[in-house]
């Protein structure tokens, strides 16, 4: 299965099938023979042990695992494009540039990547930015092993030493019922909730907030990733919660609403963690750039 995941060609094929709506349309867009495309999709589904698409007479629709695959696939392909561009630029200039390895939680990666690239190219043109999409636990592993320099992550416990770089407001994502504006946390807790798994820091934050308010969360389904949760909500199964900074408003459409959670206003901290031994001057410069990105964003 590992070899299948490392095959960028197959990742590109599956993302294109999702974006094109059918194998025949994807084959035309990729200039690849349709039987070959069908073969590679079947091999990936075989490796995973799940169907990535639902087939119908009108085309192909990603399943929940398919949506998660496509969400990460887009991030992977974007990162590959950035890496190729940086490598070509470095080869062209014939200089060796220092690499800054930055991990970022998936909920922010897709929407934040363009801003990060622009900011680092403006303030650190002599550095190569390498962005790693990593959930909080994996980000900690990368920092601890020295394989990443700085991580943008969520705290794993209520108490933490790092100073938050930003407090991200939380929103309830629901089908558009015509009711706009903020929504009380007690009302959100009573709705059928589609949330990340229990070990997810956002889930832990919500459960602790509910405990403090004497509430119980009505969780009906565990689903990771914004895109899969969005599709579950669109299908009418329930509502979900997402950090405001990571909501891709261009993907929300007219069928969904994002309502800020209040009473109490829920905000969770995003923190920066640096590896041991990172040059203090570089660490300070990176933090200043990231603080500016978040300041201009929020």
Protein backbone atom coordinates (compact mmCIF):
# COMPACT_ATOMS: atom_id res chain seq x y z
CA UNK A 1 0.00 0.00 0.00
CA UNK A 2 2.86 2.41 0.70
CA UNK A 3 4.05 2.31 -2.91
CA UNK A 4 0.57 3.28 -4.08
CA UNK A 5 0.51 6.29 -1.79
CA UNK A 6 3.92 7.41 -2.98
CA UNK A 7 2.80 7.34 -6.62
CA UNK A 8 2.19 11.00 -7.43
CA UNK A 9 0.84 10.04 -10.83
CA UNK A 10 -2.03 8.12 -9.22
CA UNK A 11 -2.68 10.95 -6.77
CA UNK A 12 -2.97 13.35 -9.71
CA UNK A 13 -5.24 10.94 -11.59
CA UNK A 14 -7.67 10.57 -8.68
CA UNK A 15 -7.81 14.31 -7.96
CA UNK A 16 -8.51 14.95 -11.65
CA UNK A 17 -11.29 12.32 -11.72
CA UNK A 18 -12.94 14.05 -8.76
CA UNK A 19 -12.62 17.47 -10.39
CA UNK A 20 -13.77 16.22 -13.81
CA UNK A 21 -16.74 14.17 -12.60
CA UNK A 22 -16.04 11.07 -14.68
CA UNK A 23 -13.20 8.88 -15.88
CA UNK A 24 -13.85 9.76 -19.53
CA UNK A 25 -13.64 13.52 -18.83
CA UNK A 26 -10.55 13.04 -16.66
CA UNK A 27 -8.92 10.96 -19.40
CA UNK A 28 -9.43 13.82 -21.85
CA UNK A 29 -8.09 16.41 -19.40
CA UNK A 30 -5.04 14.30 -18.60
CA UNK A 31 -4.52 13.07 -22.16
CA UNK A 32 -4.43 9.52 -20.78
CA UNK A 33 -6.19 6.45 -22.19
CA UNK A 34 -9.41 5.75 -20.31
CA UNK A 35 -8.61 2.05 -19.64
CA UNK A 36 -5.28 3.04 -18.10
CA UNK A 37 -7.01 5.57 -15.84
CA UNK A 38 -9.58 2.96 -14.76
CA UNK A 39 -6.76 0.52 -13.99
CA UNK A 40 -4.86 2.95 -11.77
CA UNK A 41 -8.03 3.91 -9.87
CA UNK A 42 -8.89 0.24 -9.33
CA UNK A 43 -5.36 -0.47 -8.07
CA UNK A 44 -5.53 2.42 -5.59
CA UNK A 45 -8.94 1.30 -4.31
CA UNK A 46 -7.61 -2.23 -4.01
CA UNK A 47 -4.60 -0.99 -2.01
CA UNK A 48 -6.83 1.03 0.32
CA UNK A 49 -9.58 -1.57 0.59
CA UNK A 50 -12.34 1.02 0.05
CA UNK A 51 -14.14 2.62 -2.88
CA UNK A 52 -13.00 6.18 -3.55
CA UNK A 53 -15.95 6.98 -5.84
CA UNK A 54 -19.61 6.14 -6.21
CA UNK A 55 -20.36 5.25 -9.83
CA UNK A 56 -23.63 6.26 -11.48
CA UNK A 57 -25.04 6.91 -14.94
CA UNK A 58 -24.41 10.64 -14.45
CA UNK A 59 -20.75 10.32 -13.43
CA UNK A 60 -18.58 9.68 -10.40
CA UNK A 61 -18.91 11.22 -6.93
CA UNK A 62 -16.22 10.83 -4.26
CA UNK A 63 -17.12 8.74 -1.22
CA UNK A 64 -16.18 10.02 2.25
CA UNK A 65 -12.76 8.27 2.04
CA UNK A 66 -12.49 9.62 -1.51
CA UNK A 67 -13.10 13.17 -0.35
CA UNK A 68 -10.39 12.82 2.30
CA UNK A 69 -8.00 11.39 -0.31
CA UNK A 70 -8.74 14.26 -2.71
CA UNK A 71 -8.35 16.88 0.05
CA UNK A 72 -4.88 15.60 0.93
CA UNK A 73 -4.07 14.92 -2.72
CA UNK A 74 -4.55 18.57 -3.61
CA UNK A 75 -2.28 19.63 -0.76
CA UNK A 76 0.36 17.10 -1.88
CA UNK A 77 0.24 18.24 -5.50
CA UNK A 78 0.43 21.91 -4.46
CA UNK A 79 3.45 21.12 -2.28
CA UNK A 80 5.12 19.27 -5.16
CA UNK A 81 4.55 22.26 -7.45
CA UNK A 82 6.07 24.60 -4.86
CA UNK A 83 9.06 22.27 -4.39
CA UNK A 84 9.64 22.04 -8.13
CA UNK A 85 9.49 25.81 -8.47
CA UNK A 86 11.93 26.33 -5.59
CA UNK A 87 14.36 23.71 -6.89
CA UNK A 88 14.31 25.16 -10.41
CA UNK A 89 14.90 28.64 -9.02
CA UNK A 90 17.79 27.42 -6.89
CA UNK A 91 19.36 25.60 -9.84
CA UNK A 92 18.92 28.66 -12.00
CA UNK A 93 20.58 30.99 -9.47
CA UNK A 94 23.31 28.39 -8.77
CA UNK A 95 23.22 29.15 -5.07
CA UNK A 96 22.52 26.89 -2.12
CA UNK A 97 19.59 28.27 -0.11
CA UNK A 98 18.74 27.35 3.45
CA UNK A 99 15.48 25.40 3.83
CA UNK A 100 12.88 26.42 6.42
CA UNK A 101 10.73 23.40 7.28
CA UNK A 102 7.31 24.48 8.50
CA UNK A 103 4.51 22.10 9.53
CA UNK A 104 0.90 23.24 9.53
CA UNK A 105 -2.31 21.49 10.57
CA UNK A 106 -4.42 20.27 7.62
CA UNK A 107 -7.37 22.51 8.46
CA UNK A 108 -5.22 25.54 7.59
CA UNK A 109 -2.82 24.12 5.01
CA UNK A 110 -4.86 24.53 1.84
CA UNK A 111 -6.08 28.07 2.49
CA UNK A 112 -2.87 29.31 4.14
CA UNK A 113 -0.26 28.01 1.71
CA UNK A 114 -0.47 30.87 -0.85
CA UNK A 115 -0.15 33.47 1.93
CA UNK A 116 2.82 31.69 3.46
CA UNK A 117 4.64 31.44 0.15
CA UNK A 118 4.09 35.13 -0.58
CA UNK A 119 5.19 36.22 2.91
CA UNK A 120 8.37 34.13 2.97
CA UNK A 121 9.35 35.15 -0.53
CA UNK A 122 8.96 38.79 0.48
CA UNK A 123 10.75 38.63 3.84
CA UNK A 124 13.13 35.68 3.31
CA UNK A 125 13.97 35.57 -0.40
CA UNK A 126 17.23 33.78 0.41
CA UNK A 127 15.40 30.88 2.10
CA UNK A 128 13.42 27.97 0.63
CA UNK A 129 10.12 27.32 2.43
CA UNK A 130 9.13 23.66 2.78
CA UNK A 131 5.59 23.23 4.07
CA UNK A 132 4.55 19.91 5.64
CA UNK A 133 0.88 19.11 6.13
CA UNK A 134 0.84 17.47 9.59
CA UNK A 135 -1.74 16.96 12.29
CA UNK A 136 -0.74 18.08 15.78
CA UNK A 137 0.62 14.73 17.05
CA UNK A 138 2.66 14.15 13.89
CA UNK A 139 3.88 17.77 13.98
CA UNK A 140 5.22 17.17 17.50
CA UNK A 141 7.02 14.04 16.28
CA UNK A 142 8.64 16.01 13.44
CA UNK A 143 9.75 18.78 15.81
CA UNK A 144 11.08 16.30 18.40
CA UNK A 145 13.06 14.40 15.74
CA UNK A 146 14.48 17.61 14.21
CA UNK A 147 12.75 16.95 10.88
CA UNK A 148 10.83 20.24 11.08
CA UNK A 149 11.89 23.68 12.30
CA UNK A 150 8.60 25.28 13.34
CA UNK A 151 5.09 23.87 13.73
CA UNK A 152 1.74 25.67 13.59
CA UNK A 153 -0.42 23.43 15.74
CA UNK A 154 -3.13 23.09 18.35
CA UNK A 155 -2.23 22.46 22.00
CA UNK A 156 -2.90 18.92 23.19
CA UNK A 157 -3.93 19.99 26.70
CA UNK A 158 -5.73 22.92 28.29
CA UNK A 159 -2.46 24.14 29.82
CA UNK A 160 0.48 24.85 27.56
CA UNK A 161 3.68 26.88 27.73
CA UNK A 162 3.69 28.43 24.27
CA UNK A 163 2.16 31.86 23.64
CA UNK A 164 -0.70 31.56 21.12
CA UNK A 165 0.02 33.23 17.82
CA UNK A 166 -3.72 33.71 17.33
CA UNK A 167 -7.01 32.71 18.97
CA UNK A 168 -9.15 31.18 16.24
CA UNK A 169 -12.95 31.61 16.56
CA UNK A 170 -15.00 28.46 16.06
CA UNK A 171 -17.96 28.25 13.69
CA UNK A 172 -20.85 25.85 13.34
CA UNK A 173 -21.18 24.71 9.72
CA UNK A 174 -24.75 23.76 8.80
CA UNK A 175 -27.13 23.55 5.89
CA UNK A 176 -28.56 26.91 4.90
CA UNK A 177 -31.90 27.20 6.69
CA UNK A 178 -32.13 30.97 6.33
CA UNK A 179 -31.07 31.63 9.94
CA UNK A 180 -27.89 33.67 9.99
CA UNK A 181 -25.76 35.23 12.69
CA UNK A 182 -24.12 33.73 15.78
CA UNK A 183 -25.40 30.58 17.47
CA UNK A 184 -25.22 29.72 21.17
CA UNK A 185 -22.94 26.86 22.17
CA UNK A 186 -25.77 25.12 24.03
CA UNK A 187 -27.75 25.02 20.76
CA UNK A 188 -24.76 23.67 18.85
CA UNK A 189 -24.17 20.96 21.46
CA UNK A 190 -27.75 19.70 21.03
CA UNK A 191 -27.54 19.43 17.24
CA UNK A 192 -26.40 16.17 15.54
CA UNK A 193 -22.65 16.77 15.43
CA UNK A 194 -20.16 15.39 12.92
CA UNK A 195 -16.76 15.90 14.56
CA UNK A 196 -13.17 14.66 14.28
CA UNK A 197 -12.14 11.58 16.27
CA UNK A 198 -11.75 11.79 20.04
CA UNK A 199 -7.94 12.17 19.95
CA UNK A 200 -8.23 15.27 17.73
CA UNK A 201 -7.32 18.49 19.65
CA UNK A 202 -10.41 20.31 18.32
CA UNK A 203 -12.66 17.51 19.57
CA UNK A 204 -10.93 17.59 22.97
CA UNK A 205 -11.35 21.39 23.12
CA UNK A 206 -15.08 21.13 22.38
CA UNK A 207 -15.63 18.37 24.93
CA UNK A 208 -13.82 20.36 27.62
CA UNK A 209 -15.82 23.50 26.77
CA UNK A 210 -19.05 21.49 26.99
CA UNK A 211 -18.00 20.04 30.34
CA UNK A 212 -17.35 23.54 31.71
CA UNK A 213 -20.82 24.66 30.59
CA UNK A 214 -22.54 21.54 31.93
CA UNK A 215 -23.44 20.38 28.42
CA UNK A 216 -23.20 17.10 26.52
CA UNK A 217 -22.16 17.01 22.87
CA UNK A 218 -24.59 15.13 20.63
CA UNK A 219 -21.91 13.51 18.45
CA UNK A 220 -23.42 11.16 15.84
CA UNK A 221 -20.37 10.54 13.64
CA UNK A 222 -16.56 10.79 13.72
CA UNK A 223 -15.18 12.21 10.44
CA UNK A 224 -11.79 13.88 9.92
CA UNK A 225 -11.06 16.59 7.34
CA UNK A 226 -13.07 19.64 6.29
CA UNK A 227 -14.06 18.38 2.86
CA UNK A 228 -15.51 15.06 4.09
CA UNK A 229 -17.35 16.78 6.95
CA UNK A 230 -18.70 19.41 4.56
CA UNK A 231 -20.11 16.68 2.30
CA UNK A 232 -21.71 14.87 5.25
CA UNK A 233 -23.34 18.14 6.33
CA UNK A 234 -24.49 18.84 2.77
CA UNK A 235 -26.08 15.39 2.71
CA UNK A 236 -28.24 16.40 5.66
CA UNK A 237 -26.79 14.14 8.35
CA UNK A 238 -25.86 16.85 10.81
CA UNK A 239 -23.66 19.89 11.48
CA UNK A 240 -19.96 20.31 12.17
CA UNK A 241 -17.52 22.74 13.80
CA UNK A 242 -14.53 24.34 12.16
CA UNK A 243 -11.98 27.03 12.95
CA UNK A 244 -12.85 30.30 11.25
CA UNK A 245 -9.41 30.85 9.69
CA UNK A 246 -9.50 27.52 7.88
CA UNK A 247 -12.96 27.81 6.33
CA UNK A 248 -12.54 27.86 2.52
CA UNK A 249 -15.41 30.22 1.79
CA UNK A 250 -15.12 29.61 -1.94
CA UNK A 251 -16.03 25.97 -1.29
CA UNK A 252 -18.97 26.65 1.02
CA UNK A 253 -21.52 27.46 -1.70
CA UNK A 254 -25.03 28.77 -1.12
CA UNK A 255 -26.22 25.58 0.59
CA UNK A 256 -24.08 26.00 3.71
CA UNK A 257 -23.84 28.56 6.48
CA UNK A 258 -20.96 29.30 8.86
CA UNK A 259 -22.30 30.67 12.17
CA UNK A 260 -19.92 31.81 14.89
CA UNK A 261 -20.35 30.00 18.21
CA UNK A 262 -21.10 32.31 21.16
CA UNK A 263 -22.39 32.20 24.75
CA UNK A 264 -19.59 31.57 25.40
CA UNK A 265 -17.62 32.71 22.40
CA UNK A 266 -15.47 29.70 21.57
CA UNK A 267 -11.92 30.38 20.43
CA UNK A 268 -9.11 27.88 20.44
CA UNK A 269 -5.42 28.80 20.40
CA UNK A 270 -3.03 28.17 17.55
CA UNK A 271 0.52 27.92 18.85
CA UNK A 272 4.01 27.83 17.37
CA UNK A 273 6.53 25.27 18.50
CA UNK A 274 10.18 25.37 17.38
CA UNK A 275 12.72 22.57 17.40
CA UNK A 276 15.62 22.60 19.81
CA UNK A 277 18.78 24.10 18.35
CA UNK A 278 17.03 26.35 15.84
CA UNK A 279 19.03 29.55 15.37
CA UNK A 280 17.34 32.14 17.65
CA UNK A 281 17.56 34.89 15.03
CA UNK A 282 15.93 32.63 12.40
CA UNK A 283 13.31 31.48 14.89
CA UNK A 284 12.45 35.10 15.71
CA UNK A 285 12.25 36.06 12.02
CA UNK A 286 9.96 33.10 11.22
CA UNK A 287 7.67 33.94 14.11
CA UNK A 288 7.44 37.58 13.03
CA UNK A 289 6.49 36.54 9.49
CA UNK A 290 3.84 34.12 10.73
CA UNK A 291 2.45 36.67 13.18
CA UNK A 292 2.09 39.14 10.32
CA UNK A 293 0.34 36.54 8.14
CA UNK A 294 -2.18 35.75 10.88
CA UNK A 295 -2.64 39.42 11.77
CA UNK A 296 -3.49 40.34 8.18
CA UNK A 297 -5.65 37.24 7.81
CA UNK A 298 -7.78 37.42 10.95
